[in-house]
Amino acid sequence: MTRLTTTDEINAVLERYLNLTECILDDVVWRDFGTTIDLVFDNVWAEAWKLRQDVNDVRDPVVMRLYSVQTVRLDNALNDYMVAEPWMLDWGLAEVEWVEAVDVEGSPLAHGGRGIRRIDVKGWGARHLRAEFVDMEFVPSPDPDPTRGRFDPAVKRGIAATHVGLGPAASERPPRRKLP
């Protein structure tokens, strides 16, 4: 794979993926002692603004590997209900509105004249993930089974909440509490 070193190069690839609009941020994987991270998205598009026919059954991972990561920040914007009833969360929380790369001008984190870029993953509402890094590449998915994941038929109960670590199935949950 080719490392992308400018925001223009990164954004050109993102445009081919429709800036990952409506896709799901499936995973964030830390590598190389936290200096490299993979942002793993489940791509939902077959072509321009046309959903894949198998979107509910098969994952289509898009992996953005960020190198020389300097900062990572996630603003989840959880409300009182989400905090009180975390097992009610589903994949909608991880749905992406827009992904883009921007240059970070005058960053004290730049090394040897290599600029710093920031990837902005804008979720719906106030959810936002930002990561500053030196360069990145789109890499093939390390997942050997594209059917594994949030829609895995083996664990399907609507959404496979236990598979993605969002809590027990409805039949295993305690009764709902009312918020004060």
N, C-alpha and C. Protein backbone atom coordinates (compact mmCIF):
# COMPACT_ATOMS: atom_id res chain seq x y z
N MET A 1 0.84 -1.17 0.00
CA MET A 1 0.00 0.00 0.00
C MET A 1 0.89 1.25 0.00
N THR A 2 0.33 2.32 -0.45
CA THR A 2 1.07 3.57 -0.57
C THR A 2 0.67 4.51 0.56
N ARG A 3 1.68 5.03 1.23
CA ARG A 3 1.39 6.02 2.27
C ARG A 3 0.98 7.33 1.63
N LEU A 4 -0.05 7.93 2.20
CA LEU A 4 -0.55 9.21 1.73
C LEU A 4 -0.02 10.28 2.68
N THR A 5 0.60 11.31 2.11
CA THR A 5 1.28 12.30 2.95
C THR A 5 0.68 13.69 2.85
N THR A 6 -0.35 13.88 2.02
CA THR A 6 -0.99 15.19 1.94
C THR A 6 -2.49 15.05 2.15
N THR A 7 -3.09 16.11 2.61
CA THR A 7 -4.55 16.06 2.81
C THR A 7 -5.27 15.92 1.47
N ASP A 8 -4.72 16.48 0.40
CA ASP A 8 -5.35 16.34 -0.92
C ASP A 8 -5.41 14.87 -1.33
N GLU A 9 -4.31 14.13 -1.12
CA GLU A 9 -4.29 12.70 -1.46
C GLU A 9 -5.31 11.93 -0.62
N ILE A 10 -5.34 12.21 0.68
CA ILE A 10 -6.25 11.51 1.58
C ILE A 10 -7.70 11.81 1.21
N ASN A 11 -8.01 13.08 1.01
CA ASN A 11 -9.39 13.46 0.70
C ASN A 11 -9.84 12.93 -0.66
N ALA A 12 -8.90 12.77 -1.61
CA ALA A 12 -9.26 12.20 -2.91
C ALA A 12 -9.74 10.75 -2.74
N VAL A 13 -9.05 9.99 -1.89
CA VAL A 13 -9.49 8.61 -1.63
C VAL A 13 -10.81 8.62 -0.86
N LEU A 14 -10.92 9.47 0.13
CA LEU A 14 -12.17 9.55 0.90
C LEU A 14 -13.37 9.88 0.01
N GLU A 15 -13.17 10.74 -0.98
CA GLU A 15 -14.26 11.08 -1.90
C GLU A 15 -14.75 9.86 -2.65
N ARG A 16 -13.84 8.94 -2.99
CA ARG A 16 -14.27 7.70 -3.67
C ARG A 16 -15.17 6.86 -2.77
N TYR A 17 -15.00 7.01 -1.45
CA TYR A 17 -15.85 6.32 -0.47
C TYR A 17 -16.98 7.22 0.02
N LEU A 18 -17.28 8.31 -0.70
CA LEU A 18 -18.33 9.27 -0.33
C LEU A 18 -18.09 9.82 1.08
N ASN A 19 -16.84 10.03 1.41
CA ASN A 19 -16.40 10.51 2.73
C ASN A 19 -16.97 9.67 3.86
N LEU A 20 -17.24 8.40 3.56
CA LEU A 20 -17.74 7.41 4.52
C LEU A 20 -19.05 7.85 5.18
N THR A 21 -19.78 8.74 4.52
CA THR A 21 -21.09 9.18 5.01
C THR A 21 -22.01 7.97 5.16
N GLU A 22 -22.70 7.90 6.30
CA GLU A 22 -23.65 6.83 6.64
C GLU A 22 -22.97 5.50 6.96
N CYS A 23 -21.64 5.43 6.85
CA CYS A 23 -20.94 4.19 7.19
C CYS A 23 -20.80 4.09 8.72
N ILE A 24 -20.36 2.94 9.18
CA ILE A 24 -20.25 2.68 10.61
C ILE A 24 -18.77 2.64 11.00
N LEU A 25 -18.40 3.41 12.04
CA LEU A 25 -17.06 3.28 12.61
C LEU A 25 -17.10 2.03 13.47
N ASP A 26 -16.56 0.95 12.93
CA ASP A 26 -16.67 -0.38 13.53
C ASP A 26 -15.66 -0.62 14.64
N ASP A 27 -14.46 -0.05 14.49
CA ASP A 27 -13.41 -0.38 15.46
C ASP A 27 -12.29 0.66 15.38
N VAL A 28 -11.59 0.81 16.49
CA VAL A 28 -10.36 1.59 16.55
C VAL A 28 -9.32 0.65 17.16
N VAL A 29 -8.26 0.38 16.41
CA VAL A 29 -7.25 -0.59 16.82
C VAL A 29 -5.93 0.14 17.06
N TRP A 30 -5.37 -0.07 18.24
CA TRP A 30 -4.09 0.55 18.60
C TRP A 30 -2.97 -0.40 18.22
N ARG A 31 -1.92 0.14 17.57
CA ARG A 31 -0.76 -0.66 17.14
C ARG A 31 0.52 0.07 17.52
N ASP A 32 1.62 -0.65 17.44
CA ASP A 32 2.95 -0.06 17.61
C ASP A 32 3.04 0.84 18.84
N PHE A 33 2.62 0.30 19.96
CA PHE A 33 2.70 1.00 21.25
C PHE A 33 1.91 2.30 21.26
N GLY A 34 0.82 2.34 20.50
CA GLY A 34 -0.04 3.51 20.47
C GLY A 34 0.38 4.58 19.49
N THR A 35 1.40 4.32 18.67
CA THR A 35 1.83 5.33 17.71
C THR A 35 1.15 5.17 16.35
N THR A 36 0.49 4.06 16.15
CA THR A 36 -0.27 3.78 14.93
C THR A 36 -1.66 3.36 15.35
N ILE A 37 -2.68 3.87 14.66
CA ILE A 37 -4.04 3.39 14.92
C ILE A 37 -4.74 3.08 13.61
N ASP A 38 -5.60 2.07 13.66
CA ASP A 38 -6.46 1.74 12.54
C ASP A 38 -7.86 2.21 12.87
N LEU A 39 -8.46 2.97 11.97
CA LEU A 39 -9.87 3.31 12.05
C LEU A 39 -10.56 2.39 11.06
N VAL A 40 -11.43 1.52 11.56
CA VAL A 40 -12.07 0.51 10.72
C VAL A 40 -13.53 0.89 10.52
N PHE A 41 -13.90 1.15 9.28
CA PHE A 41 -15.26 1.53 8.93
C PHE A 41 -15.92 0.39 8.17
N ASP A 42 -17.22 0.22 8.35
CA ASP A 42 -17.99 -0.71 7.53
C ASP A 42 -18.64 0.12 6.43
N ASN A 43 -18.12 -0.04 5.21
CA ASN A 43 -18.62 0.72 4.07
C ASN A 43 -19.99 0.19 3.64
N VAL A 44 -20.95 1.07 3.47
CA VAL A 44 -22.31 0.65 3.10
C VAL A 44 -22.64 0.89 1.63
N TRP A 45 -21.72 1.52 0.89
CA TRP A 45 -22.04 1.94 -0.48
C TRP A 45 -21.53 0.97 -1.53
N ALA A 46 -22.40 0.65 -2.51
CA ALA A 46 -22.00 -0.13 -3.68
C ALA A 46 -21.42 0.81 -4.74
N GLU A 47 -22.05 1.94 -4.90
CA GLU A 47 -21.60 2.99 -5.81
C GLU A 47 -22.21 4.28 -5.31
N ALA A 48 -22.03 5.35 -6.05
CA ALA A 48 -22.47 6.67 -5.60
C ALA A 48 -23.90 6.67 -5.07
N TRP A 49 -24.00 6.77 -3.77
CA TRP A 49 -25.27 6.91 -3.05
C TRP A 49 -26.24 5.75 -3.28
N LYS A 50 -25.70 4.58 -3.57
CA LYS A 50 -26.54 3.38 -3.73
C LYS A 50 -26.03 2.33 -2.74
N LEU A 51 -26.90 1.93 -1.79
CA LEU A 51 -26.50 0.97 -0.77
C LEU A 51 -26.17 -0.39 -1.37
N ARG A 52 -25.22 -1.07 -0.75
CA ARG A 52 -24.92 -2.44 -1.15
C ARG A 52 -26.12 -3.34 -0.84
N GLN A 53 -26.39 -4.30 -1.67
CA GLN A 53 -27.50 -5.23 -1.46
C GLN A 53 -27.28 -6.10 -0.23
N ASP A 54 -26.01 -6.42 0.08
CA ASP A 54 -25.69 -7.33 1.18
C ASP A 54 -25.28 -6.58 2.46
N VAL A 55 -25.66 -5.31 2.56
CA VAL A 55 -25.19 -4.47 3.67
C VAL A 55 -25.55 -5.05 5.04
N ASN A 56 -26.66 -5.77 5.15
CA ASN A 56 -27.07 -6.34 6.44
C ASN A 56 -26.39 -7.65 6.77
N ASP A 57 -25.72 -8.26 5.80
CA ASP A 57 -25.16 -9.59 6.01
C ASP A 57 -23.64 -9.66 5.92
N VAL A 58 -23.04 -8.77 5.15
CA VAL A 58 -21.60 -8.86 4.89
C VAL A 58 -20.96 -7.50 5.15
N ARG A 59 -19.85 -7.54 5.87
CA ARG A 59 -19.09 -6.31 6.12
C ARG A 59 -18.22 -5.99 4.91
N ASP A 60 -17.99 -4.72 4.67
CA ASP A 60 -17.08 -4.26 3.64
C ASP A 60 -16.12 -3.28 4.31
N PRO A 61 -15.12 -3.79 5.02
CA PRO A 61 -14.25 -2.93 5.83
C PRO A 61 -13.38 -1.99 5.00
N VAL A 62 -13.31 -0.76 5.45
CA VAL A 62 -12.37 0.23 4.94
C VAL A 62 -11.48 0.58 6.13
N VAL A 63 -10.19 0.31 6.01
CA VAL A 63 -9.27 0.52 7.13
C VAL A 63 -8.34 1.68 6.80
N MET A 64 -8.40 2.71 7.65
CA MET A 64 -7.49 3.84 7.54
C MET A 64 -6.43 3.65 8.62
N ARG A 65 -5.19 3.42 8.21
CA ARG A 65 -4.09 3.25 9.18
C ARG A 65 -3.33 4.56 9.28
N LEU A 66 -3.35 5.15 10.47
CA LEU A 66 -2.69 6.43 10.73
C LEU A 66 -1.35 6.16 11.42
N TYR A 67 -0.28 6.75 10.88
CA TYR A 67 1.07 6.55 11.42
C TYR A 67 1.54 7.79 12.17
N SER A 68 2.44 7.55 13.12
CA SER A 68 3.01 8.62 13.94
C SER A 68 1.90 9.48 14.53
N VAL A 69 0.98 8.81 15.17
CA VAL A 69 -0.18 9.49 15.76
C VAL A 69 0.29 10.32 16.95
N GLN A 70 -0.10 11.58 16.95
CA GLN A 70 0.29 12.51 18.02
C GLN A 70 -0.83 12.69 19.04
N THR A 71 -2.06 12.84 18.58
CA THR A 71 -3.18 13.01 19.50
C THR A 71 -4.40 12.27 18.96
N VAL A 72 -5.23 11.81 19.88
CA VAL A 72 -6.53 11.22 19.55
C VAL A 72 -7.53 11.76 20.56
N ARG A 73 -8.68 12.18 20.06
CA ARG A 73 -9.72 12.68 20.96
C ARG A 73 -11.07 12.20 20.45
N LEU A 74 -11.86 11.65 21.37
CA LEU A 74 -13.22 11.23 21.06
C LEU A 74 -14.18 11.98 21.97
N ASP A 75 -15.11 12.69 21.37
CA ASP A 75 -16.21 13.32 22.11
C ASP A 75 -17.45 12.48 21.82
N ASN A 76 -17.90 11.74 22.81
CA ASN A 76 -19.04 10.85 22.60
C ASN A 76 -20.38 11.55 22.70
N ALA A 77 -20.46 12.61 23.49
CA ALA A 77 -21.71 13.35 23.66
C ALA A 77 -22.85 12.46 24.14
N LEU A 78 -22.55 11.59 25.11
CA LEU A 78 -23.58 10.71 25.66
C LEU A 78 -24.53 11.52 26.53
N ASN A 79 -25.82 11.26 26.37
CA ASN A 79 -26.80 11.93 27.22
C ASN A 79 -27.10 11.07 28.45
N ASP A 80 -27.93 11.56 29.35
CA ASP A 80 -28.23 10.85 30.59
C ASP A 80 -28.83 9.47 30.33
N TYR A 81 -29.69 9.37 29.35
CA TYR A 81 -30.33 8.08 29.02
C TYR A 81 -29.28 7.07 28.54
N MET A 82 -28.36 7.51 27.69
CA MET A 82 -27.32 6.60 27.17
C MET A 82 -26.42 6.09 28.29
N VAL A 83 -26.13 6.94 29.25
CA VAL A 83 -25.29 6.55 30.38
C VAL A 83 -26.06 5.58 31.29
N ALA A 84 -27.34 5.85 31.53
CA ALA A 84 -28.14 5.02 32.42
C ALA A 84 -28.53 3.68 31.80
N GLU A 85 -28.67 3.63 30.48
CA GLU A 85 -29.14 2.42 29.79
C GLU A 85 -28.17 2.03 28.67
N PRO A 86 -26.90 1.74 29.00
CA PRO A 86 -25.92 1.50 27.94
C PRO A 86 -26.24 0.29 27.06
N TRP A 87 -26.97 -0.68 27.55
CA TRP A 87 -27.31 -1.85 26.75
C TRP A 87 -28.33 -1.52 25.66
N MET A 88 -28.92 -0.33 25.70
CA MET A 88 -29.86 0.07 24.67
C MET A 88 -29.16 0.72 23.46
N LEU A 89 -27.86 0.97 23.59
CA LEU A 89 -27.11 1.55 22.48
C LEU A 89 -27.01 0.54 21.34
N ASP A 90 -26.96 1.03 20.12
CA ASP A 90 -26.77 0.13 18.98
C ASP A 90 -25.83 0.80 17.98
N TRP A 91 -25.73 0.21 16.81
CA TRP A 91 -24.78 0.67 15.80
C TRP A 91 -25.03 2.11 15.37
N GLY A 92 -26.21 2.63 15.59
CA GLY A 92 -26.51 4.00 15.20
C GLY A 92 -25.58 5.01 15.86
N LEU A 93 -25.09 4.69 17.04
CA LEU A 93 -24.16 5.60 17.72
C LEU A 93 -22.85 5.73 16.95
N ALA A 94 -22.50 4.69 16.20
CA ALA A 94 -21.24 4.68 15.46
C ALA A 94 -21.41 5.11 14.01
N GLU A 95 -22.59 5.54 13.63
CA GLU A 95 -22.82 5.97 12.25
C GLU A 95 -22.11 7.30 11.99
N VAL A 96 -21.48 7.39 10.84
CA VAL A 96 -20.64 8.53 10.49
C VAL A 96 -21.41 9.50 9.60
N GLU A 97 -21.27 10.78 9.90
CA GLU A 97 -21.83 11.81 9.03
C GLU A 97 -20.84 12.18 7.93
N TRP A 98 -19.54 12.29 8.28
CA TRP A 98 -18.56 12.81 7.34
C TRP A 98 -17.15 12.52 7.85
N VAL A 99 -16.22 12.21 6.96
CA VAL A 99 -14.80 12.05 7.31
C VAL A 99 -13.99 12.91 6.35
N GLU A 100 -13.06 13.69 6.90
CA GLU A 100 -12.17 14.47 6.05
C GLU A 100 -10.83 14.67 6.74
N ALA A 101 -9.83 14.99 5.92
CA ALA A 101 -8.49 15.28 6.43
C ALA A 101 -8.22 16.77 6.27
N VAL A 102 -7.57 17.35 7.27
CA VAL A 102 -7.18 18.77 7.22
C VAL A 102 -5.74 18.89 7.70
N ASP A 103 -5.06 19.92 7.21
CA ASP A 103 -3.71 20.20 7.68
C ASP A 103 -3.79 20.92 9.02
N VAL A 104 -2.84 20.61 9.90
CA VAL A 104 -2.73 21.30 11.18
C VAL A 104 -1.55 22.24 11.04
N GLU A 105 -1.85 23.49 10.80
CA GLU A 105 -0.82 24.50 10.54
C GLU A 105 -0.06 24.85 11.82
N GLY A 106 1.26 24.96 11.71
CA GLY A 106 2.09 25.41 12.82
C GLY A 106 2.08 24.49 14.03
N SER A 107 1.83 23.22 13.82
CA SER A 107 1.77 22.30 14.95
C SER A 107 3.14 22.11 15.59
N PRO A 108 3.24 22.22 16.91
CA PRO A 108 4.51 21.95 17.58
C PRO A 108 4.86 20.46 17.53
N LEU A 109 3.92 19.63 17.05
CA LEU A 109 4.13 18.19 17.00
C LEU A 109 4.83 17.74 15.72
N ALA A 110 4.98 18.64 14.74
CA ALA A 110 5.61 18.29 13.46
C ALA A 110 7.08 17.93 13.70
N HIS A 111 7.56 16.93 12.99
CA HIS A 111 8.94 16.46 13.16
C HIS A 111 9.69 16.53 11.84
N GLY A 112 10.88 17.13 11.87
CA GLY A 112 11.74 17.14 10.70
C GLY A 112 11.09 17.72 9.46
N GLY A 113 10.25 18.73 9.63
CA GLY A 113 9.60 19.35 8.49
C GLY A 113 8.41 18.58 7.96
N ARG A 114 8.12 17.42 8.55
CA ARG A 114 6.95 16.65 8.11
C ARG A 114 5.73 17.25 8.78
N GLY A 115 4.78 17.63 7.99
CA GLY A 115 3.58 18.26 8.53
C GLY A 115 2.70 17.29 9.29
N ILE A 116 1.80 17.86 10.03
CA ILE A 116 0.82 17.08 10.78
C ILE A 116 -0.54 17.26 10.12
N ARG A 117 -1.24 16.17 9.95
CA ARG A 117 -2.60 16.18 9.44
C ARG A 117 -3.56 15.75 10.53
N ARG A 118 -4.81 16.10 10.37
CA ARG A 118 -5.83 15.65 11.31
C ARG A 118 -6.94 14.99 10.50
N ILE A 119 -7.37 13.85 10.98
CA ILE A 119 -8.55 13.22 10.39
C ILE A 119 -9.71 13.57 11.31
N ASP A 120 -10.78 14.06 10.74
CA ASP A 120 -11.99 14.38 11.50
C ASP A 120 -13.08 13.39 11.10
N VAL A 121 -13.54 12.64 12.08
CA VAL A 121 -14.65 11.71 11.88
C VAL A 121 -15.83 12.32 12.61
N LYS A 122 -16.73 12.90 11.86
CA LYS A 122 -17.89 13.58 12.44
C LYS A 122 -19.04 12.60 12.50
N GLY A 123 -19.49 12.33 13.72
CA GLY A 123 -20.68 11.51 13.90
C GLY A 123 -21.90 12.40 13.89
N TRP A 124 -23.05 11.81 14.04
CA TRP A 124 -24.28 12.58 14.09
C TRP A 124 -24.40 13.24 15.45
N GLY A 125 -24.97 14.40 15.50
CA GLY A 125 -25.05 15.14 16.75
C GLY A 125 -23.68 15.70 17.10
N ALA A 126 -23.32 15.63 18.36
CA ALA A 126 -22.04 16.21 18.81
C ALA A 126 -20.92 15.18 18.86
N ARG A 127 -21.14 13.96 18.39
CA ARG A 127 -20.09 12.94 18.42
C ARG A 127 -19.02 13.27 17.39
N HIS A 128 -17.75 13.16 17.83
CA HIS A 128 -16.64 13.58 16.96
C HIS A 128 -15.37 12.85 17.40
N LEU A 129 -14.65 12.29 16.44
CA LEU A 129 -13.34 11.71 16.71
C LEU A 129 -12.31 12.47 15.88
N ARG A 130 -11.21 12.86 16.52
CA ARG A 130 -10.13 13.57 15.84
C ARG A 130 -8.82 12.86 16.16
N ALA A 131 -7.99 12.73 15.15
CA ALA A 131 -6.66 12.15 15.36
C ALA A 131 -5.65 12.93 14.53
N GLU A 132 -4.55 13.35 15.16
CA GLU A 132 -3.47 14.04 14.46
C GLU A 132 -2.35 13.04 14.22
N PHE A 133 -1.79 13.07 13.00
CA PHE A 133 -0.82 12.06 12.58
C PHE A 133 0.07 12.64 11.50
N VAL A 134 1.13 11.90 11.12
CA VAL A 134 2.05 12.36 10.09
C VAL A 134 1.60 11.88 8.71
N ASP A 135 1.41 10.57 8.53
CA ASP A 135 0.92 10.06 7.26
C ASP A 135 0.04 8.85 7.50
N MET A 136 -0.60 8.35 6.43
CA MET A 136 -1.55 7.26 6.59
C MET A 136 -1.67 6.49 5.30
N GLU A 137 -2.36 5.36 5.38
CA GLU A 137 -2.67 4.59 4.19
C GLU A 137 -3.98 3.85 4.40
N PHE A 138 -4.62 3.54 3.30
CA PHE A 138 -5.78 2.67 3.33
C PHE A 138 -5.23 1.26 3.14
N VAL A 139 -5.53 0.35 4.07
CA VAL A 139 -4.95 -0.99 4.02
C VAL A 139 -6.06 -2.02 3.87
N PRO A 140 -5.72 -3.19 3.32
CA PRO A 140 -6.71 -4.26 3.24
C PRO A 140 -7.15 -4.66 4.65
N SER A 141 -8.38 -5.07 4.78
CA SER A 141 -8.90 -5.46 6.08
C SER A 141 -8.17 -6.69 6.59
N PRO A 142 -7.79 -6.68 7.88
CA PRO A 142 -7.16 -7.87 8.46
C PRO A 142 -8.20 -8.93 8.81
N ASP A 143 -9.48 -8.63 8.65
CA ASP A 143 -10.56 -9.54 9.05
C ASP A 143 -10.75 -10.61 7.97
N PRO A 144 -10.42 -11.87 8.28
CA PRO A 144 -10.55 -12.92 7.26
C PRO A 144 -12.01 -13.31 7.00
N ASP A 145 -12.93 -12.92 7.85
CA ASP A 145 -14.34 -13.31 7.69
C ASP A 145 -15.21 -12.06 7.58
N PRO A 146 -15.55 -11.64 6.35
CA PRO A 146 -16.32 -10.41 6.19
C PRO A 146 -17.76 -10.52 6.70
N THR A 147 -18.23 -11.73 7.03
CA THR A 147 -19.59 -11.85 7.56
C THR A 147 -19.63 -11.67 9.06
N ARG A 148 -18.45 -11.66 9.72
CA ARG A 148 -18.40 -11.46 11.15
C ARG A 148 -18.72 -10.00 11.46
N GLY A 149 -19.34 -9.77 12.57
CA GLY A 149 -19.56 -8.39 12.96
C GLY A 149 -20.97 -8.13 13.44
N ARG A 150 -21.38 -6.90 13.31
CA ARG A 150 -22.63 -6.48 13.92
C ARG A 150 -23.85 -7.17 13.35
N PHE A 151 -23.76 -7.76 12.14
CA PHE A 151 -24.89 -8.44 11.56
C PHE A 151 -24.62 -9.94 11.41
N ASP A 152 -23.74 -10.48 12.23
CA ASP A 152 -23.38 -11.89 12.15
C ASP A 152 -24.62 -12.76 12.35
N PRO A 153 -25.00 -13.58 11.36
CA PRO A 153 -26.21 -14.40 11.49
C PRO A 153 -26.15 -15.36 12.68
N ALA A 154 -24.94 -15.76 13.10
CA ALA A 154 -24.82 -16.68 14.22
C ALA A 154 -25.23 -16.05 15.54
N VAL A 155 -25.15 -14.74 15.63
CA VAL A 155 -25.51 -14.08 16.88
C VAL A 155 -26.63 -13.05 16.68
N LYS A 156 -27.29 -13.13 15.53
CA LYS A 156 -28.28 -12.11 15.18
C LYS A 156 -29.47 -12.15 16.14
N ARG A 157 -29.72 -11.05 16.77
CA ARG A 157 -30.91 -10.81 17.59
C ARG A 157 -31.32 -9.39 17.28
N GLY A 158 -31.74 -9.12 16.07
CA GLY A 158 -31.88 -7.75 15.64
C GLY A 158 -30.48 -7.27 15.35
N ILE A 159 -29.88 -6.57 16.26
CA ILE A 159 -28.48 -6.19 16.17
C ILE A 159 -27.72 -7.05 17.18
N ALA A 160 -26.56 -7.50 16.81
CA ALA A 160 -25.79 -8.42 17.66
C ALA A 160 -25.11 -7.66 18.79
N ALA A 161 -25.89 -7.21 19.75
CA ALA A 161 -25.38 -6.34 20.81
C ALA A 161 -24.26 -6.99 21.62
N THR A 162 -24.40 -8.27 21.95
CA THR A 162 -23.37 -8.89 22.76
C THR A 162 -22.07 -9.03 21.98
N HIS A 163 -22.15 -9.20 20.66
CA HIS A 163 -20.95 -9.37 19.85
C HIS A 163 -20.11 -8.10 19.84
N VAL A 164 -20.74 -6.96 19.77
CA VAL A 164 -19.98 -5.72 19.71
C VAL A 164 -19.80 -5.10 21.09
N GLY A 165 -20.11 -5.87 22.13
CA GLY A 165 -19.81 -5.42 23.48
C GLY A 165 -20.75 -4.36 24.01
N LEU A 166 -21.98 -4.34 23.54
CA LEU A 166 -22.91 -3.31 23.98
C LEU A 166 -23.85 -3.80 25.07
N GLY A 167 -23.67 -5.01 25.55
CA GLY A 167 -24.47 -5.46 26.67
C GLY A 167 -25.28 -6.69 26.33
N PRO A 168 -26.05 -7.17 27.30
CA PRO A 168 -26.80 -8.41 27.15
C PRO A 168 -28.00 -8.24 26.22
N ALA A 169 -28.50 -9.39 25.73
CA ALA A 169 -29.71 -9.38 24.91
C ALA A 169 -30.89 -8.94 25.78
N ALA A 170 -31.97 -8.53 25.14
CA ALA A 170 -33.13 -8.00 25.86
C ALA A 170 -33.65 -8.99 26.90
N SER A 171 -33.66 -10.28 26.59
CA SER A 171 -34.17 -11.27 27.54
C SER A 171 -33.28 -11.42 28.77
N GLU A 172 -32.03 -10.96 28.68
CA GLU A 172 -31.09 -11.09 29.79
C GLU A 172 -30.92 -9.80 30.59
N ARG A 173 -31.58 -8.74 30.16
CA ARG A 173 -31.42 -7.45 30.82
C ARG A 173 -32.31 -7.32 32.04
N PRO A 174 -31.87 -6.55 33.03
CA PRO A 174 -32.75 -6.24 34.14
C PRO A 174 -33.87 -5.31 33.66
N PRO A 175 -34.95 -5.21 34.42
CA PRO A 175 -36.03 -4.31 34.01
C PRO A 175 -35.52 -2.88 33.89
N ARG A 176 -36.14 -2.12 33.01
CA ARG A 176 -35.73 -0.72 32.81
C ARG A 176 -36.02 0.10 34.04
N ARG A 177 -35.10 1.03 34.30
CA ARG A 177 -35.31 1.98 35.37
C ARG A 177 -35.75 3.29 34.75
N LYS A 178 -36.57 4.01 35.45
CA LYS A 178 -36.96 5.33 34.96
C LYS A 178 -35.93 6.33 35.40
N LEU A 179 -35.61 7.25 34.49
CA LEU A 179 -34.65 8.29 34.84
C LEU A 179 -35.32 9.30 35.78
N PRO A 180 -34.55 9.85 36.71
CA PRO A 180 -35.12 10.83 37.62
C PRO A 180 -35.54 12.09 36.90
